[in-house]
């Protein structure tokens, strides 16, 4: 297991909390808690060692296509593909934007 912490600039604020995925499902769980800061802190626990560059690339890609909200994103990854990871992250942002 590897633990990765990333911090990226946030360009919007939301309020509330959201959850997408289930740890026991075999892929990943994403929890998001909004705050009024200027950064998004991402805490990742993954079963895939040496995956920091993959996560950095995914978050960089998300920044280019979407404005990231301020808050804390907690990810429990158990071998999800980058496509599934992106879907789960986008799901929590969408859910909390409608809360």
Protein backbone atom coordinates (compact mmCIF):
# COMPACT_ATOMS: atom_id res chain seq x y z
CA UNK A 1 0.00 0.00 0.00
CA UNK A 2 1.19 3.46 -0.87
CA UNK A 3 -0.01 6.79 0.54
CA UNK A 4 0.18 9.88 -1.69
CA UNK A 5 -0.75 13.45 -0.80
CA UNK A 6 -1.13 16.05 -3.53
CA UNK A 7 -2.19 19.69 -3.34
CA UNK A 8 -3.48 21.58 -6.38
CA UNK A 9 -4.90 25.09 -6.79
CA UNK A 10 -8.69 25.30 -6.63
CA UNK A 11 -10.63 27.64 -8.87
CA UNK A 12 -14.13 27.34 -7.40
CA UNK A 13 -15.86 26.81 -4.09
CA UNK A 14 -18.66 24.43 -3.24
CA UNK A 15 -20.28 23.35 0.00
CA UNK A 16 -21.10 19.94 1.35
CA UNK A 17 -19.81 16.39 1.17
CA UNK A 18 -20.12 13.57 -1.36
CA UNK A 19 -19.16 9.90 -1.76
CA UNK A 20 -18.77 7.83 -4.93
CA UNK A 21 -17.83 4.17 -5.23
CA UNK A 22 -17.39 1.52 -2.58
CA UNK A 23 -14.09 0.27 -1.19
CA UNK A 24 -15.28 -3.34 -1.19
CA UNK A 25 -16.32 -3.14 -4.84
CA UNK A 26 -12.80 -3.90 -5.98
CA UNK A 27 -11.96 -0.59 -7.59
CA UNK A 28 -12.14 2.63 -5.60
CA UNK A 29 -13.96 4.97 -3.26
CA UNK A 30 -13.79 8.76 -3.42
CA UNK A 31 -14.93 11.11 -0.65
CA UNK A 32 -15.00 14.88 -1.07
CA UNK A 33 -15.48 17.52 1.61
CA UNK A 34 -15.72 21.10 0.39
CA UNK A 35 -14.19 24.07 2.16
CA UNK A 36 -13.69 27.76 1.45
CA UNK A 37 -9.91 27.64 0.89
CA UNK A 38 -7.93 28.05 -2.29
CA UNK A 39 -6.55 24.53 -2.67
CA UNK A 40 -7.73 20.99 -3.20
CA UNK A 41 -5.84 18.50 -1.05
CA UNK A 42 -5.92 14.94 -2.32
CA UNK A 43 -5.08 12.04 0.02
CA UNK A 44 -4.70 8.77 -1.88
CA UNK A 45 -4.27 5.31 -0.43
CA UNK A 46 -3.54 2.89 -3.24
CA UNK A 47 -2.68 -0.77 -3.63
CA UNK A 48 -0.62 0.14 -6.72
CA UNK A 49 2.92 1.02 -5.67
CA UNK A 50 4.88 3.72 -7.52
CA UNK A 51 1.73 5.31 -8.96
CA UNK A 52 2.36 8.93 -7.93
CA UNK A 53 3.10 10.05 -11.49
CA UNK A 54 -0.13 8.41 -12.73
CA UNK A 55 -2.16 10.31 -10.13
CA UNK A 56 -0.37 13.59 -10.86
CA UNK A 57 -1.10 13.17 -14.58
CA UNK A 58 -4.77 12.42 -13.88
CA UNK A 59 -5.19 15.50 -11.67
CA UNK A 60 -3.36 17.69 -14.20
CA UNK A 61 -5.72 16.45 -16.90
CA UNK A 62 -8.75 17.19 -14.71
CA UNK A 63 -7.45 20.72 -14.11
CA UNK A 64 -7.27 21.40 -17.84
CA UNK A 65 -10.84 20.27 -18.59
CA UNK A 66 -12.61 21.39 -15.42
CA UNK A 67 -12.29 23.87 -12.58
CA UNK A 68 -11.37 22.01 -9.41
CA UNK A 69 -13.17 22.90 -6.18
CA UNK A 70 -11.53 23.77 -2.88
CA UNK A 71 -11.61 21.09 -0.20
CA UNK A 72 -10.31 17.64 0.63
CA UNK A 73 -10.52 14.63 -1.66
CA UNK A 74 -9.88 11.24 -0.05
CA UNK A 75 -9.31 8.34 -2.43
CA UNK A 76 -9.09 4.65 -1.56
CA UNK A 77 -7.81 2.98 -4.73
CA UNK A 78 -7.61 -0.76 -5.18
CA UNK A 79 -6.35 -0.96 -8.74
CA UNK A 80 -8.94 1.11 -10.59
CA UNK A 81 -8.10 2.14 -14.12
CA UNK A 82 -7.46 5.85 -14.77
CA UNK A 83 -10.85 6.04 -16.52
CA UNK A 84 -12.69 4.73 -13.46
CA UNK A 85 -10.67 7.06 -11.21
CA UNK A 86 -11.67 10.07 -13.30
CA UNK A 87 -15.34 9.04 -13.31
CA UNK A 88 -15.42 8.64 -9.52
CA UNK A 89 -13.73 12.00 -8.96
CA UNK A 90 -16.08 13.76 -11.36
CA UNK A 91 -19.06 12.03 -9.69
CA UNK A 92 -18.27 13.48 -6.25
CA UNK A 93 -17.72 16.96 -7.67
CA UNK A 94 -21.01 16.79 -9.55
CA UNK A 95 -22.91 15.42 -6.55
CA UNK A 96 -21.69 18.09 -4.16
CA UNK A 97 -22.38 20.85 -6.69
CA UNK A 98 -26.08 19.91 -6.52
CA UNK A 99 -26.20 19.54 -2.73
